[in-house]
Amino acid sequence: MSVTRIFRHLCIVGLVSFLCACGYSLRGSDVLSSKFDSVLLNSQQPNSEFSRLLRRRLEIAEVTLVPAISGSLNEQQTVLEITSEQLISRPVSVNPRARAAQYELRLSVNIGLTISGEQIIAPETLFVERSYFEDIENINGNQQEIEIIAAEMRRDLVDQLLRRLAAV
């Protein structure tokens, strides 16, 4: 083995040791699963893309989802209430022809968390905002861009909701 190869291996071992010693770890879902064993997800739009993403992320976090249909709620039940998502678009700037050139998109949901009949998170609004420029010549491309931005905003909103739950 050459000296440079040995030096490279020592640097890698040293870097890994340093990261382990400082407490660095990849962002995991262990915090959420330790706080909530099971959650009853009460969503106004249970089949929406946002609800589907949220269910998937809760399952990855090893949180058991209790069906909202089950009428047997025990006293220790954790209930997460989510209203339907609202996507609002508003013009921010105009071009020289007095048409909207830049739009702002705002995606929001209202959430509330109740554990054992006690309201832990009072109803509050979580939101994500993005802006985009409209290309007057490419209306079809604008629609596709809005769909892509909305999908990214849903993922960001689910992440924000999970961080809010982990902070409880």
Protein backbone atom coordinates (compact mmCIF):
# COMPACT_ATOMS: atom_id res chain seq x y z
CA MET A 1 0.00 0.00 0.00
CA SER A 2 1.22 3.43 -0.82
CA VAL A 3 1.57 6.21 1.69
CA THR A 4 -1.18 8.28 0.06
CA ARG A 5 -3.62 5.38 0.27
CA ILE A 6 -2.83 4.85 3.97
CA PHE A 7 -3.21 8.59 4.58
CA ARG A 8 -6.57 8.61 2.77
CA HIS A 9 -7.86 5.72 4.91
CA LEU A 10 -6.68 7.44 8.10
CA CYS A 11 -8.45 10.64 7.08
CA ILE A 12 -11.70 8.77 6.43
CA VAL A 13 -11.48 6.93 9.76
CA GLY A 14 -10.68 10.20 11.53
CA LEU A 15 -13.62 12.00 9.90
CA VAL A 16 -16.06 9.22 10.77
CA SER A 17 -14.76 9.12 14.35
CA PHE A 18 -15.13 12.88 14.64
CA LEU A 19 -18.72 12.82 13.34
CA CYS A 20 -19.66 10.01 15.75
CA ALA A 21 -18.01 11.78 18.68
CA CYS A 22 -19.75 15.12 18.06
CA GLY A 23 -23.20 13.51 18.12
CA TYR A 24 -23.99 13.85 14.43
CA SER A 25 -26.63 11.49 13.12
CA LEU A 26 -28.91 11.40 10.13
CA ARG A 27 -32.32 12.90 10.62
CA GLY A 28 -34.54 10.04 11.71
CA SER A 29 -38.09 9.39 12.75
CA ASP A 30 -37.29 7.90 16.14
CA VAL A 31 -38.44 11.05 17.96
CA LEU A 32 -41.91 10.89 16.45
CA SER A 33 -42.39 7.16 17.00
CA SER A 34 -41.35 7.47 20.66
CA LYS A 35 -43.99 10.17 21.29
CA PHE A 36 -46.91 8.62 19.41
CA ASP A 37 -47.64 4.89 19.31
CA SER A 38 -50.81 5.34 17.31
CA VAL A 39 -52.62 8.29 15.76
CA LEU A 40 -56.16 8.65 14.53
CA LEU A 41 -55.84 10.82 11.41
CA ASN A 42 -59.03 12.82 10.95
CA SER A 43 -58.73 14.55 7.59
CA GLN A 44 -61.42 16.41 5.66
CA GLN A 45 -59.84 15.13 2.43
CA PRO A 46 -58.63 11.60 3.29
CA ASN A 47 -57.84 10.77 -0.35
CA SER A 48 -55.93 13.94 -1.19
CA GLU A 49 -52.27 13.97 -2.15
CA PHE A 50 -51.39 15.76 1.10
CA SER A 51 -53.15 13.11 3.23
CA ARG A 52 -51.49 10.32 1.27
CA LEU A 53 -48.03 11.85 1.80
CA LEU A 54 -48.74 12.37 5.50
CA ARG A 55 -49.93 8.78 5.98
CA ARG A 56 -46.84 7.46 4.22
CA ARG A 57 -44.50 9.57 6.35
CA LEU A 58 -46.25 8.52 9.57
CA GLU A 59 -45.96 4.86 8.55
CA ILE A 60 -42.24 5.35 7.82
CA ALA A 61 -41.94 6.87 11.30
CA GLU A 62 -43.46 3.63 12.64
CA VAL A 63 -46.58 5.36 13.93
CA THR A 64 -49.67 3.14 13.76
CA LEU A 65 -52.57 4.81 11.99
CA VAL A 66 -55.96 4.05 13.52
CA PRO A 67 -58.80 4.13 10.99
CA ALA A 68 -61.18 7.04 11.56
CA ILE A 69 -64.10 4.67 10.93
CA SER A 70 -63.52 2.74 14.13
CA GLY A 71 -66.03 4.01 16.65
CA SER A 72 -64.09 2.64 19.59
CA LEU A 73 -62.03 5.60 20.76
CA ASN A 74 -60.24 5.02 24.02
CA GLU A 75 -59.34 7.76 26.46
CA GLN A 76 -55.65 7.66 25.53
CA GLN A 77 -56.27 8.10 21.81
CA THR A 78 -54.18 10.65 19.91
CA VAL A 79 -56.27 12.48 17.30
CA LEU A 80 -54.70 14.60 14.58
CA GLU A 81 -57.28 16.82 12.87
CA ILE A 82 -56.46 18.27 9.45
CA THR A 83 -58.68 20.52 7.38
CA SER A 84 -58.64 20.48 3.60
CA GLU A 85 -55.65 22.08 1.99
CA GLN A 86 -56.04 25.48 0.38
CA LEU A 87 -53.90 26.55 -2.57
CA ILE A 88 -54.16 30.28 -3.18
CA SER A 89 -52.51 32.09 -6.07
CA ARG A 90 -52.15 35.85 -6.19
CA PRO A 91 -50.28 38.18 -8.54
CA VAL A 92 -47.21 39.87 -7.09
CA SER A 93 -45.88 41.92 -10.00
CA VAL A 94 -47.05 43.00 -13.45
CA ASN A 95 -45.26 43.25 -16.80
CA PRO A 96 -45.22 46.31 -19.09
CA ARG A 97 -48.47 45.11 -20.73
CA ALA A 98 -50.24 45.34 -17.34
CA ARG A 99 -50.53 41.55 -17.04
CA ALA A 100 -49.43 39.56 -14.04
CA ALA A 101 -45.80 38.50 -14.45
CA GLN A 102 -45.07 36.95 -11.07
CA TYR A 103 -47.40 34.96 -8.85
CA GLU A 104 -47.20 33.85 -5.27
CA LEU A 105 -48.61 30.44 -4.32
CA ARG A 106 -49.64 29.75 -0.74
CA LEU A 107 -50.56 26.24 0.42
CA SER A 108 -52.06 25.96 3.88
CA VAL A 109 -53.80 23.50 6.19
CA ASN A 110 -55.26 23.89 9.65
CA ILE A 111 -54.19 21.29 12.20
CA GLY A 112 -55.06 20.37 15.75
CA LEU A 113 -53.79 17.63 18.07
CA THR A 114 -55.75 16.10 20.92
CA ILE A 115 -54.34 13.51 23.30
CA SER A 116 -56.61 11.87 25.87
CA GLY A 117 -59.26 14.51 25.31
CA GLU A 118 -56.76 17.30 26.10
CA GLN A 119 -55.97 19.73 23.31
CA ILE A 120 -52.18 19.72 22.89
CA ILE A 121 -52.01 21.77 19.70
CA ALA A 122 -54.80 24.29 19.45
CA PRO A 123 -56.10 24.73 15.90
CA GLU A 124 -53.38 26.51 13.98
CA THR A 125 -52.52 27.14 10.35
CA LEU A 126 -49.40 25.76 8.75
CA PHE A 127 -48.44 27.22 5.38
CA VAL A 128 -45.77 27.25 2.70
CA GLU A 129 -45.27 30.00 0.13
CA ARG A 130 -43.52 29.99 -3.23
CA SER A 131 -43.39 32.40 -6.12
CA TYR A 132 -42.99 31.79 -9.84
CA PHE A 133 -42.83 33.83 -13.04
CA GLU A 134 -45.48 33.30 -15.67
CA ASP A 135 -44.38 32.84 -19.26
CA ILE A 136 -47.12 34.37 -21.41
CA GLU A 137 -45.95 32.41 -24.45
CA ASN A 138 -46.13 28.99 -22.75
CA ILE A 139 -49.42 28.54 -20.90
CA ASN A 140 -49.14 24.72 -20.87
CA GLY A 141 -45.65 24.94 -19.36
CA ASN A 142 -46.95 27.32 -16.70
CA GLN A 143 -49.61 24.81 -15.67
CA GLN A 144 -47.02 22.03 -15.39
CA GLU A 145 -44.75 24.32 -13.36
CA ILE A 146 -47.62 25.09 -10.96
CA GLU A 147 -48.26 21.35 -10.50
CA ILE A 148 -44.57 20.69 -9.77
CA ILE A 149 -44.38 23.59 -7.32
CA ALA A 150 -47.59 22.46 -5.58
CA ALA A 151 -46.19 18.92 -5.17
CA GLU A 152 -42.99 20.34 -3.63
CA MET A 153 -45.07 22.56 -1.36
CA ARG A 154 -47.09 19.56 -0.15
CA ARG A 155 -43.89 17.70 0.76
CA ASP A 156 -42.59 20.78 2.58
CA LEU A 157 -45.90 21.16 4.42
CA VAL A 158 -45.85 17.51 5.53
CA ASP A 159 -42.28 17.99 6.77
CA GLN A 160 -43.37 21.10 8.67
CA LEU A 161 -46.29 19.21 10.23
CA LEU A 162 -44.04 16.33 11.33
CA ARG A 163 -41.56 18.77 12.88
CA ARG A 164 -44.47 20.43 14.70
CA LEU A 165 -45.60 17.04 16.04
CA ALA A 166 -42.06 16.15 17.11
CA ALA A 167 -41.82 19.43 19.04
CA VAL A 168 -44.85 18.54 21.19
